[in-house]
Amino acid sequence: IWVRLDPQNIDVFNKIIEGYDNLALVTAIEPALGQLLVRVTPDTKK
C-alpha cells in the first residue's frame, strides 16, 4: 500500500502502525515528500 502524508506526521504514523503488532511494516520511500510503502499480508490488508 503506497501512501503519502505530511512529512511531519511520519514519526507518529510509524508509532501508530508499530502499536498494532504484526499488522504492517512501513518503509520510507521519499521521506521528504511523505511517501511511504506499507507492506501487509492478505490477512492484515483489510
ModelCIF file with pLDDT and N, C-alpha, C, O atoms, coordinates in Angstrom:
data_MODEL
#
_entry.id   MODEL 
#
_entity.id                         1 
_entity.type                       polymer 
_entity.pdbx_number_of_molecules   1 
#
_entity_poly.entity_id                      1 
_entity_poly.type                           'polypeptide(L)' 
_entity_poly.nstd_linkage                   no 
_entity_poly.nstd_monomer                   no 
_entity_poly.pdbx_seq_one_letter_code       IWVRLDPQNIDVFNKIIEGYDNLALVTAIEPALGQLLVRVTPDTKK 
_entity_poly.pdbx_seq_one_letter_code_can   IWVRLDPQNIDVFNKIIEGYDNLALVTAIEPALGQLLVRVTPDTKK 
_entity_poly.pdbx_strand_id                 A 
#
loop_
_entity_poly_seq.entity_id 
_entity_poly_seq.num 
_entity_poly_seq.mon_id 
_entity_poly_seq.hetero 
1 1  ILE n 
1 2  TRP n 
1 3  VAL n 
1 4  ARG n 
1 5  LEU n 
1 6  ASP n 
1 7  PRO n 
1 8  GLN n 
1 9  ASN n 
1 10 ILE n 
1 11 ASP n 
1 12 VAL n 
1 13 PHE n 
1 14 ASN n 
1 15 LYS n 
1 16 ILE n 
1 17 ILE n 
1 18 GLU n 
1 19 GLY n 
1 20 TYR n 
1 21 ASP n 
1 22 ASN n 
1 23 LEU n 
1 24 ALA n 
1 25 LEU n 
1 26 VAL n 
1 27 THR n 
1 28 ALA n 
1 29 ILE n 
1 30 GLU n 
1 31 PRO n 
1 32 ALA n 
1 33 LEU n 
1 34 GLY n 
1 35 GLN n 
1 36 LEU n 
1 37 LEU n 
1 38 VAL n 
1 39 ARG n 
1 40 VAL n 
1 41 THR n 
1 42 PRO n 
1 43 ASP n 
1 44 THR n 
1 45 LYS n 
1 46 LYS n 
#
_struct_asym.id          A 
_struct_asym.entity_id   1 
#
loop_
_ma_qa_metric.id 
_ma_qa_metric.mode 
_ma_qa_metric.name 
_ma_qa_metric.software_group_id 
_ma_qa_metric.type 
1 global pLDDT . pLDDT 
2 local  pLDDT . pLDDT 
#
_ma_qa_metric_global.metric_id      1 
_ma_qa_metric_global.metric_value   95.89 
_ma_qa_metric_global.model_id       1 
_ma_qa_metric_global.ordinal_id     1 
#
loop_
_ma_qa_metric_local.label_asym_id 
_ma_qa_metric_local.label_comp_id 
_ma_qa_metric_local.label_seq_id 
_ma_qa_metric_local.metric_id 
_ma_qa_metric_local.metric_value 
_ma_qa_metric_local.model_id 
_ma_qa_metric_local.ordinal_id 
A ILE 1  2 98.00 1 1  
A TRP 2  2 98.00 1 2  
A VAL 3  2 98.00 1 3  
A ARG 4  2 98.00 1 4  
A LEU 5  2 98.00 1 5  
A ASP 6  2 98.00 1 6  
A PRO 7  2 98.00 1 7  
A GLN 8  2 98.00 1 8  
A ASN 9  2 98.00 1 9  
A ILE 10 2 97.00 1 10 
A ASP 11 2 96.00 1 11 
A VAL 12 2 97.00 1 12 
A PHE 13 2 97.00 1 13 
A ASN 14 2 95.00 1 14 
A LYS 15 2 95.00 1 15 
A ILE 16 2 96.00 1 16 
A ILE 17 2 95.00 1 17 
A GLU 18 2 93.00 1 18 
A GLY 19 2 94.00 1 19 
A TYR 20 2 92.00 1 20 
A ASP 21 2 89.00 1 21 
A ASN 22 2 85.00 1 22 
A LEU 23 2 93.00 1 23 
A ALA 24 2 96.00 1 24 
A LEU 25 2 95.00 1 25 
A VAL 26 2 96.00 1 26 
A THR 27 2 96.00 1 27 
A ALA 28 2 96.00 1 28 
A ILE 29 2 96.00 1 29 
A GLU 30 2 97.00 1 30 
A PRO 31 2 96.00 1 31 
A ALA 32 2 97.00 1 32 
A LEU 33 2 97.00 1 33 
A GLY 34 2 97.00 1 34 
A GLN 35 2 98.00 1 35 
A LEU 36 2 98.00 1 36 
A LEU 37 2 98.00 1 37 
A VAL 38 2 98.00 1 38 
A ARG 39 2 97.00 1 39 
A VAL 40 2 97.00 1 40 
A THR 41 2 95.00 1 41 
A PRO 42 2 95.00 1 42 
A ASP 43 2 94.00 1 43 
A THR 44 2 95.00 1 44 
A LYS 45 2 96.00 1 45 
A LYS 46 2 95.00 1 46 
#
loop_
_atom_site.group_PDB 
_atom_site.id 
_atom_site.type_symbol 
_atom_site.label_atom_id 
_atom_site.label_alt_id 
_atom_site.label_comp_id 
_atom_site.label_asym_id 
_atom_site.label_entity_id 
_atom_site.label_seq_id 
_atom_site.pdbx_PDB_ins_code 
_atom_site.Cartn_x 
_atom_site.Cartn_y 
_atom_site.Cartn_z 
_atom_site.occupancy 
_atom_site.B_iso_or_equiv 
_atom_site.pdbx_formal_charge 
_atom_site.auth_seq_id 
_atom_site.auth_comp_id 
_atom_site.auth_asym_id 
_atom_site.auth_atom_id 
_atom_site.pdbx_PDB_model_num 
ATOM 1   N N  . ILE A 1 1  ? 0.883  -1.160  0.000  1.00 98.00 ? 1  ILE A N  1 
ATOM 2   C CA . ILE A 1 1  ? 0.000  0.000   0.000  1.00 98.00 ? 1  ILE A CA 1 
ATOM 3   C C  . ILE A 1 1  ? 0.924  1.213   0.000  1.00 98.00 ? 1  ILE A C  1 
ATOM 4   O O  . ILE A 1 1  ? 1.688  1.423   0.942  1.00 98.00 ? 1  ILE A O  1 
ATOM 5   N N  . TRP A 1 2  ? 0.847  2.004   -1.058 1.00 98.00 ? 2  TRP A N  1 
ATOM 6   C CA . TRP A 1 2  ? 1.666  3.212   -1.178 1.00 98.00 ? 2  TRP A CA 1 
ATOM 7   C C  . TRP A 1 2  ? 0.860  4.373   -0.636 1.00 98.00 ? 2  TRP A C  1 
ATOM 8   O O  . TRP A 1 2  ? -0.280 4.584   -1.050 1.00 98.00 ? 2  TRP A O  1 
ATOM 9   N N  . VAL A 1 3  ? 1.440  5.136   0.291  1.00 98.00 ? 3  VAL A N  1 
ATOM 10  C CA . VAL A 1 3  ? 0.727  6.265   0.879  1.00 98.00 ? 3  VAL A CA 1 
ATOM 11  C C  . VAL A 1 3  ? 1.574  7.527   0.826  1.00 98.00 ? 3  VAL A C  1 
ATOM 12  O O  . VAL A 1 3  ? 2.796  7.481   0.685  1.00 98.00 ? 3  VAL A O  1 
ATOM 13  N N  . ARG A 1 4  ? 0.882  8.656   0.943  1.00 98.00 ? 4  ARG A N  1 
ATOM 14  C CA . ARG A 1 4  ? 1.556  9.948   1.011  1.00 98.00 ? 4  ARG A CA 1 
ATOM 15  C C  . ARG A 1 4  ? 0.913  10.736  2.149  1.00 98.00 ? 4  ARG A C  1 
ATOM 16  O O  . ARG A 1 4  ? -0.311 10.765  2.280  1.00 98.00 ? 4  ARG A O  1 
ATOM 17  N N  . LEU A 1 5  ? 1.743  11.371  2.967  1.00 98.00 ? 5  LEU A N  1 
ATOM 18  C CA . LEU A 1 5  ? 1.266  12.168  4.074  1.00 98.00 ? 5  LEU A CA 1 
ATOM 19  C C  . LEU A 1 5  ? 2.236  13.302  4.340  1.00 98.00 ? 5  LEU A C  1 
ATOM 20  O O  . LEU A 1 5  ? 3.332  13.342  3.782  1.00 98.00 ? 5  LEU A O  1 
ATOM 21  N N  . ASP A 1 6  ? 1.827  14.211  5.187  1.00 98.00 ? 6  ASP A N  1 
ATOM 22  C CA . ASP A 1 6  ? 2.702  15.320  5.568  1.00 98.00 ? 6  ASP A CA 1 
ATOM 23  C C  . ASP A 1 6  ? 3.942  14.726  6.231  1.00 98.00 ? 6  ASP A C  1 
ATOM 24  O O  . ASP A 1 6  ? 3.816  13.953  7.180  1.00 98.00 ? 6  ASP A O  1 
ATOM 25  N N  . PRO A 1 7  ? 5.129  15.068  5.755  1.00 98.00 ? 7  PRO A N  1 
ATOM 26  C CA . PRO A 1 7  ? 6.354  14.503  6.333  1.00 98.00 ? 7  PRO A CA 1 
ATOM 27  C C  . PRO A 1 7  ? 6.460  14.689  7.850  1.00 98.00 ? 7  PRO A C  1 
ATOM 28  O O  . PRO A 1 7  ? 7.107  13.887  8.524  1.00 98.00 ? 7  PRO A O  1 
ATOM 29  N N  . GLN A 1 8  ? 5.841  15.721  8.385  1.00 98.00 ? 8  GLN A N  1 
ATOM 30  C CA . GLN A 1 8  ? 5.862  15.942  9.835  1.00 98.00 ? 8  GLN A CA 1 
ATOM 31  C C  . GLN A 1 8  ? 5.133  14.842  10.597 1.00 98.00 ? 8  GLN A C  1 
ATOM 32  O O  . GLN A 1 8  ? 5.355  14.670  11.795 1.00 98.00 ? 8  GLN A O  1 
ATOM 33  N N  . ASN A 1 9  ? 4.261  14.092  9.915  1.00 98.00 ? 9  ASN A N  1 
ATOM 34  C CA . ASN A 1 9  ? 3.477  13.043  10.572 1.00 98.00 ? 9  ASN A CA 1 
ATOM 35  C C  . ASN A 1 9  ? 4.083  11.647  10.435 1.00 98.00 ? 9  ASN A C  1 
ATOM 36  O O  . ASN A 1 9  ? 3.512  10.682  10.941 1.00 98.00 ? 9  ASN A O  1 
ATOM 37  N N  . ILE A 1 10 ? 5.220  11.522  9.764  1.00 97.00 ? 10 ILE A N  1 
ATOM 38  C CA . ILE A 1 10 ? 5.802  10.194  9.532  1.00 97.00 ? 10 ILE A CA 1 
ATOM 39  C C  . ILE A 1 10 ? 6.130  9.480   10.843 1.00 97.00 ? 10 ILE A C  1 
ATOM 40  O O  . ILE A 1 10 ? 5.830  8.294   10.980 1.00 97.00 ? 10 ILE A O  1 
ATOM 41  N N  . ASP A 1 11 ? 6.728  10.157  11.792 1.00 96.00 ? 11 ASP A N  1 
ATOM 42  C CA . ASP A 1 11 ? 7.091  9.516   13.059 1.00 96.00 ? 11 ASP A CA 1 
ATOM 43  C C  . ASP A 1 11 ? 5.854  9.008   13.798 1.00 96.00 ? 11 ASP A C  1 
ATOM 44  O O  . ASP A 1 11 ? 5.842  7.880   14.291 1.00 96.00 ? 11 ASP A O  1 
ATOM 45  N N  . VAL A 1 12 ? 4.827  9.828   13.873 1.00 97.00 ? 12 VAL A N  1 
ATOM 46  C CA . VAL A 1 12 ? 3.585  9.417   14.548 1.00 97.00 ? 12 VAL A CA 1 
ATOM 47  C C  . VAL A 1 12 ? 2.941  8.257   13.790 1.00 97.00 ? 12 VAL A C  1 
ATOM 48  O O  . VAL A 1 12 ? 2.442  7.310   14.399 1.00 97.00 ? 12 VAL A O  1 
ATOM 49  N N  . PHE A 1 13 ? 2.955  8.337   12.458 1.00 97.00 ? 13 PHE A N  1 
ATOM 50  C CA . PHE A 1 13 ? 2.406  7.267   11.635 1.00 97.00 ? 13 PHE A CA 1 
ATOM 51  C C  . PHE A 1 13 ? 3.092  5.940   11.964 1.00 97.00 ? 13 PHE A C  1 
ATOM 52  O O  . PHE A 1 13 ? 2.425  4.931   12.194 1.00 97.00 ? 13 PHE A O  1 
ATOM 53  N N  . ASN A 1 14 ? 4.427  5.948   11.985 1.00 95.00 ? 14 ASN A N  1 
ATOM 54  C CA . ASN A 1 14 ? 5.183  4.732   12.307 1.00 95.00 ? 14 ASN A CA 1 
ATOM 55  C C  . ASN A 1 14 ? 4.823  4.205   13.686 1.00 95.00 ? 14 ASN A C  1 
ATOM 56  O O  . ASN A 1 14 ? 4.645  3.000   13.860 1.00 95.00 ? 14 ASN A O  1 
ATOM 57  N N  . LYS A 1 15 ? 4.715  5.085   14.663 1.00 95.00 ? 15 LYS A N  1 
ATOM 58  C CA . LYS A 1 15 ? 4.395  4.650   16.026 1.00 95.00 ? 15 LYS A CA 1 
ATOM 59  C C  . LYS A 1 15 ? 3.003  4.039   16.114 1.00 95.00 ? 15 LYS A C  1 
ATOM 60  O O  . LYS A 1 15 ? 2.798  3.059   16.830 1.00 95.00 ? 15 LYS A O  1 
ATOM 61  N N  . ILE A 1 16 ? 2.048  4.611   15.391 1.00 96.00 ? 16 ILE A N  1 
ATOM 62  C CA . ILE A 1 16 ? 0.696  4.041   15.381 1.00 96.00 ? 16 ILE A CA 1 
ATOM 63  C C  . ILE A 1 16 ? 0.724  2.644   14.775 1.00 96.00 ? 16 ILE A C  1 
ATOM 64  O O  . ILE A 1 16 ? 0.157  1.710   15.342 1.00 96.00 ? 16 ILE A O  1 
ATOM 65  N N  . ILE A 1 17 ? 1.382  2.495   13.621 1.00 95.00 ? 17 ILE A N  1 
ATOM 66  C CA . ILE A 1 17 ? 1.449  1.178   12.974 1.00 95.00 ? 17 ILE A CA 1 
ATOM 67  C C  . ILE A 1 17 ? 2.182  0.175   13.867 1.00 95.00 ? 17 ILE A C  1 
ATOM 68  O O  . ILE A 1 17 ? 1.745  -0.969  13.993 1.00 95.00 ? 17 ILE A O  1 
ATOM 69  N N  . GLU A 1 18 ? 3.286  0.589   14.485 1.00 93.00 ? 18 GLU A N  1 
ATOM 70  C CA . GLU A 1 18 ? 4.035  -0.305  15.378 1.00 93.00 ? 18 GLU A CA 1 
ATOM 71  C C  . GLU A 1 18 ? 3.200  -0.723  16.586 1.00 93.00 ? 18 GLU A C  1 
ATOM 72  O O  . GLU A 1 18 ? 3.402  -1.804  17.140 1.00 93.00 ? 18 GLU A O  1 
ATOM 73  N N  . GLY A 1 19 ? 2.268  0.127   16.989 1.00 94.00 ? 19 GLY A N  1 
ATOM 74  C CA . GLY A 1 19 ? 1.411  -0.193  18.132 1.00 94.00 ? 19 GLY A CA 1 
ATOM 75  C C  . GLY A 1 19 ? 0.491  -1.378  17.869 1.00 94.00 ? 19 GLY A C  1 
ATOM 76  O O  . GLY A 1 19 ? -0.005 -2.004  18.806 1.00 94.00 ? 19 GLY A O  1 
ATOM 77  N N  . TYR A 1 20 ? 0.268  -1.680  16.620 1.00 92.00 ? 20 TYR A N  1 
ATOM 78  C CA . TYR A 1 20 ? -0.533 -2.842  16.233 1.00 92.00 ? 20 TYR A CA 1 
ATOM 79  C C  . TYR A 1 20 ? 0.438  -3.938  15.803 1.00 92.00 ? 20 TYR A C  1 
ATOM 80  O O  . TYR A 1 20 ? 0.771  -4.048  14.623 1.00 92.00 ? 20 TYR A O  1 
ATOM 81  N N  . ASP A 1 21 ? 0.883  -4.731  16.739 1.00 89.00 ? 21 ASP A N  1 
ATOM 82  C CA . ASP A 1 21 ? 1.894  -5.760  16.475 1.00 89.00 ? 21 ASP A CA 1 
ATOM 83  C C  . ASP A 1 21 ? 1.559  -6.595  15.244 1.00 89.00 ? 21 ASP A C  1 
ATOM 84  O O  . ASP A 1 21 ? 0.454  -7.122  15.110 1.00 89.00 ? 21 ASP A O  1 
ATOM 85  N N  . ASN A 1 22 ? 2.523  -6.701  14.363 1.00 85.00 ? 22 ASN A N  1 
ATOM 86  C CA . ASN A 1 22 ? 2.456  -7.561  13.177 1.00 85.00 ? 22 ASN A CA 1 
ATOM 87  C C  . ASN A 1 22 ? 1.352  -7.189  12.191 1.00 85.00 ? 22 ASN A C  1 
ATOM 88  O O  . ASN A 1 22 ? 0.949  -8.021  11.378 1.00 85.00 ? 22 ASN A O  1 
ATOM 89  N N  . LEU A 1 23 ? 0.860  -5.959  12.250 1.00 93.00 ? 23 LEU A N  1 
ATOM 90  C CA . LEU A 1 23 ? -0.166 -5.544  11.303 1.00 93.00 ? 23 LEU A CA 1 
ATOM 91  C C  . LEU A 1 23 ? 0.448  -5.182  9.954  1.00 93.00 ? 23 LEU A C  1 
ATOM 92  O O  . LEU A 1 23 ? -0.049 -5.602  8.909  1.00 93.00 ? 23 LEU A O  1 
ATOM 93  N N  . ALA A 1 24 ? 1.522  -4.406  9.980  1.00 96.00 ? 24 ALA A N  1 
ATOM 94  C CA . ALA A 1 24 ? 2.140  -3.937  8.737  1.00 96.00 ? 24 ALA A CA 1 
ATOM 95  C C  . ALA A 1 24 ? 3.578  -3.519  9.008  1.00 96.00 ? 24 ALA A C  1 
ATOM 96  O O  . ALA A 1 24 ? 3.991  -3.353  10.156 1.00 96.00 ? 24 ALA A O  1 
ATOM 97  N N  . LEU A 1 25 ? 4.319  -3.354  7.939  1.00 95.00 ? 25 LEU A N  1 
ATOM 98  C CA . LEU A 1 25 ? 5.697  -2.886  8.005  1.00 95.00 ? 25 LEU A CA 1 
ATOM 99  C C  . LEU A 1 25 ? 5.800  -1.641  7.133  1.00 95.00 ? 25 LEU A C  1 
ATOM 100 O O  . LEU A 1 25 ? 5.409  -1.659  5.966  1.00 95.00 ? 25 LEU A O  1 
ATOM 101 N N  . VAL A 1 26 ? 6.327  -0.559  7.705  1.00 96.00 ? 26 VAL A N  1 
ATOM 102 C CA . VAL A 1 26 ? 6.418  0.715   6.992  1.00 96.00 ? 26 VAL A CA 1 
ATOM 103 C C  . VAL A 1 26 ? 7.859  0.950   6.533  1.00 96.00 ? 26 VAL A C  1 
ATOM 104 O O  . VAL A 1 26 ? 8.810  0.766   7.293  1.00 96.00 ? 26 VAL A O  1 
ATOM 105 N N  . THR A 1 27 ? 7.994  1.363   5.263  1.00 96.00 ? 27 THR A N  1 
ATOM 106 C CA . THR A 1 27 ? 9.284  1.738   4.706  1.00 96.00 ? 27 THR A CA 1 
ATOM 107 C C  . THR A 1 27 ? 9.151  3.133   4.118  1.00 96.00 ? 27 THR A C  1 
ATOM 108 O O  . THR A 1 27 ? 8.244  3.398   3.329  1.00 96.00 ? 27 THR A O  1 
ATOM 109 N N  . ALA A 1 28 ? 10.054 4.019   4.504  1.00 96.00 ? 28 ALA A N  1 
ATOM 110 C CA . ALA A 1 28 ? 10.065 5.369   3.935  1.00 96.00 ? 28 ALA A CA 1 
ATOM 111 C C  . ALA A 1 28 ? 10.718 5.307   2.560  1.00 96.00 ? 28 ALA A C  1 
ATOM 112 O O  . ALA A 1 28 ? 11.871 4.895   2.432  1.00 96.00 ? 28 ALA A O  1 
ATOM 113 N N  . ILE A 1 29 ? 9.985  5.714   1.539  1.00 96.00 ? 29 ILE A N  1 
ATOM 114 C CA . ILE A 1 29 ? 10.498 5.720   0.173  1.00 96.00 ? 29 ILE A CA 1 
ATOM 115 C C  . ILE A 1 29 ? 11.120 7.081   -0.134 1.00 96.00 ? 29 ILE A C  1 
ATOM 116 O O  . ILE A 1 29 ? 12.269 7.156   -0.570 1.00 96.00 ? 29 ILE A O  1 
ATOM 117 N N  . GLU A 1 30 ? 10.380 8.136   0.088  1.00 97.00 ? 30 GLU A N  1 
ATOM 118 C CA . GLU A 1 30 ? 10.842 9.514   -0.069 1.00 97.00 ? 30 GLU A CA 1 
ATOM 119 C C  . GLU A 1 30 ? 10.342 10.299  1.139  1.00 97.00 ? 30 GLU A C  1 
ATOM 120 O O  . GLU A 1 30 ? 9.327  10.989  1.048  1.00 97.00 ? 30 GLU A O  1 
ATOM 121 N N  . PRO A 1 31 ? 11.039 10.204  2.265  1.00 96.00 ? 31 PRO A N  1 
ATOM 122 C CA . PRO A 1 31 ? 10.546 10.837  3.490  1.00 96.00 ? 31 PRO A CA 1 
ATOM 123 C C  . PRO A 1 31 ? 10.320 12.347  3.357  1.00 96.00 ? 31 PRO A C  1 
ATOM 124 O O  . PRO A 1 31 ? 9.379  12.877  3.947  1.00 96.00 ? 31 PRO A O  1 
ATOM 125 N N  . ALA A 1 32 ? 11.151 13.036  2.607  1.00 97.00 ? 32 ALA A N  1 
ATOM 126 C CA . ALA A 1 32 ? 10.990 14.483  2.457  1.00 97.00 ? 32 ALA A CA 1 
ATOM 127 C C  . ALA A 1 32 ? 9.682  14.837  1.756  1.00 97.00 ? 32 ALA A C  1 
ATOM 128 O O  . ALA A 1 32 ? 9.157  15.939  1.916  1.00 97.00 ? 32 ALA A O  1 
ATOM 129 N N  . LEU A 1 33 ? 9.162  13.885  0.975  1.00 97.00 ? 33 LEU A N  1 
ATOM 130 C CA . LEU A 1 33 ? 7.895  14.098  0.276  1.00 97.00 ? 33 LEU A CA 1 
ATOM 131 C C  . LEU A 1 33 ? 6.735  13.381  0.952  1.00 97.00 ? 33 LEU A C  1 
ATOM 132 O O  . LEU A 1 33 ? 5.598  13.460  0.486  1.00 97.00 ? 33 LEU A O  1 
ATOM 133 N N  . GLY A 1 34 ? 7.013  12.685  2.048  1.00 97.00 ? 34 GLY A N  1 
ATOM 134 C CA . GLY A 1 34 ? 5.973  11.961  2.777  1.00 97.00 ? 34 GLY A CA 1 
ATOM 135 C C  . GLY A 1 34 ? 5.510  10.701  2.084  1.00 97.00 ? 34 GLY A C  1 
ATOM 136 O O  . GLY A 1 34 ? 4.388  10.253  2.321  1.00 97.00 ? 34 GLY A O  1 
ATOM 137 N N  . GLN A 1 35 ? 6.333  10.118  1.240  1.00 98.00 ? 35 GLN A N  1 
ATOM 138 C CA . GLN A 1 35 ? 5.963  8.912   0.507  1.00 98.00 ? 35 GLN A CA 1 
ATOM 139 C C  . GLN A 1 35 ? 6.456  7.673   1.250  1.00 98.00 ? 35 GLN A C  1 
ATOM 140 O O  . GLN A 1 35 ? 7.649  7.502   1.501  1.00 98.00 ? 35 GLN A O  1 
ATOM 141 N N  . LEU A 1 36 ? 5.500  6.820   1.590  1.00 98.00 ? 36 LEU A N  1 
ATOM 142 C CA . LEU A 1 36 ? 5.797  5.611   2.352  1.00 98.00 ? 36 LEU A CA 1 
ATOM 143 C C  . LEU A 1 36 ? 5.222  4.389   1.664  1.00 98.00 ? 36 LEU A C  1 
ATOM 144 O O  . LEU A 1 36 ? 4.246  4.475   0.919  1.00 98.00 ? 36 LEU A O  1 
ATOM 145 N N  . LEU A 1 37 ? 5.842  3.255   1.925  1.00 98.00 ? 37 LEU A N  1 
ATOM 146 C CA . LEU A 1 37 ? 5.339  1.962   1.487  1.00 98.00 ? 37 LEU A CA 1 
ATOM 147 C C  . LEU A 1 37 ? 4.919  1.197   2.739  1.00 98.00 ? 37 LEU A C  1 
ATOM 148 O O  . LEU A 1 37 ? 5.704  1.036   3.673  1.00 98.00 ? 37 LEU A O  1 
ATOM 149 N N  . VAL A 1 38 ? 3.681  0.731   2.746  1.00 98.00 ? 38 VAL A N  1 
ATOM 150 C CA . VAL A 1 38 ? 3.164  -0.050  3.870  1.00 98.00 ? 38 VAL A CA 1 
ATOM 151 C C  . VAL A 1 38 ? 2.976  -1.472  3.358  1.00 98.00 ? 38 VAL A C  1 
ATOM 152 O O  . VAL A 1 38 ? 2.154  -1.720  2.476  1.00 98.00 ? 38 VAL A O  1 
ATOM 153 N N  . ARG A 1 39 ? 3.745  -2.404  3.918  1.00 97.00 ? 39 ARG A N  1 
ATOM 154 C CA . ARG A 1 39 ? 3.666  -3.812  3.493  1.00 97.00 ? 39 ARG A CA 1 
ATOM 155 C C  . ARG A 1 39 ? 2.742  -4.562  4.437  1.00 97.00 ? 39 ARG A C  1 
ATOM 156 O O  . ARG A 1 39 ? 2.852  -4.462  5.659  1.00 97.00 ? 39 ARG A O  1 
ATOM 157 N N  . VAL A 1 40 ? 1.832  -5.311  3.840  1.00 97.00 ? 40 VAL A N  1 
ATOM 158 C CA . VAL A 1 40 ? 0.853  -6.077  4.599  1.00 97.00 ? 40 VAL A CA 1 
ATOM 159 C C  . VAL A 1 40 ? 0.765  -7.484  4.025  1.00 97.00 ? 40 VAL A C  1 
ATOM 160 O O  . VAL A 1 40 ? 1.329  -7.771  2.970  1.00 97.00 ? 40 VAL A O  1 
ATOM 161 N N  . THR A 1 41 ? 0.063  -8.345  4.718  1.00 95.00 ? 41 THR A N  1 
ATOM 162 C CA . THR A 1 41 ? -0.247 -9.678  4.206  1.00 95.00 ? 41 THR A CA 1 
ATOM 163 C C  . THR A 1 41 ? -1.722 -9.681  3.799  1.00 95.00 ? 41 THR A C  1 
ATOM 164 O O  . THR A 1 41 ? -2.468 -8.777  4.175  1.00 95.00 ? 41 THR A O  1 
ATOM 165 N N  . PRO A 1 42 ? -2.143 -10.682 3.042  1.00 95.00 ? 42 PRO A N  1 
ATOM 166 C CA . PRO A 1 42 ? -3.568 -10.748 2.691  1.00 95.00 ? 42 PRO A CA 1 
ATOM 167 C C  . PRO A 1 42 ? -4.469 -10.739 3.933  1.00 95.00 ? 42 PRO A C  1 
ATOM 168 O O  . PRO A 1 42 ? -5.576 -10.202 3.893  1.00 95.00 ? 42 PRO A O  1 
ATOM 169 N N  . ASP A 1 43 ? -4.000 -11.327 5.022  1.00 94.00 ? 43 ASP A N  1 
ATOM 170 C CA . ASP A 1 43 ? -4.803 -11.385 6.248  1.00 94.00 ? 43 ASP A CA 1 
ATOM 171 C C  . ASP A 1 43 ? -4.891 -10.045 6.978  1.00 94.00 ? 43 ASP A C  1 
ATOM 172 O O  . ASP A 1 43 ? -5.850 -9.814  7.715  1.00 94.00 ? 43 ASP A O  1 
ATOM 173 N N  . THR A 1 44 ? -3.921 -9.164  6.790  1.00 95.00 ? 44 THR A N  1 
ATOM 174 C CA . THR A 1 44 ? -3.922 -7.893  7.520  1.00 95.00 ? 44 THR A CA 1 
ATOM 175 C C  . THR A 1 44 ? -4.288 -6.684  6.654  1.00 95.00 ? 44 THR A C  1 
ATOM 176 O O  . THR A 1 44 ? -4.418 -5.574  7.171  1.00 95.00 ? 44 THR A O  1 
ATOM 177 N N  . LYS A 1 45 ? -4.453 -6.884  5.361  1.00 96.00 ? 45 LYS A N  1 
ATOM 178 C CA . LYS A 1 45 ? -4.710 -5.751  4.468  1.00 96.00 ? 45 LYS A CA 1 
ATOM 179 C C  . LYS A 1 45 ? -5.986 -4.997  4.830  1.00 96.00 ? 45 LYS A C  1 
ATOM 180 O O  . LYS A 1 45 ? -5.970 -3.769  4.919  1.00 96.00 ? 45 LYS A O  1 
ATOM 181 N N  . LYS A 1 46 ? -7.073 -5.702  5.038  1.00 95.00 ? 46 LYS A N  1 
ATOM 182 C CA . LYS A 1 46 ? -8.361 -5.059  5.335  1.00 95.00 ? 46 LYS A CA 1 
ATOM 183 C C  . LYS A 1 46 ? -8.271 -4.218  6.612  1.00 95.00 ? 46 LYS A C  1 
ATOM 184 O O  . LYS A 1 46 ? -9.258 -3.604  7.017  1.00 95.00 ? 46 LYS A O  1 
#
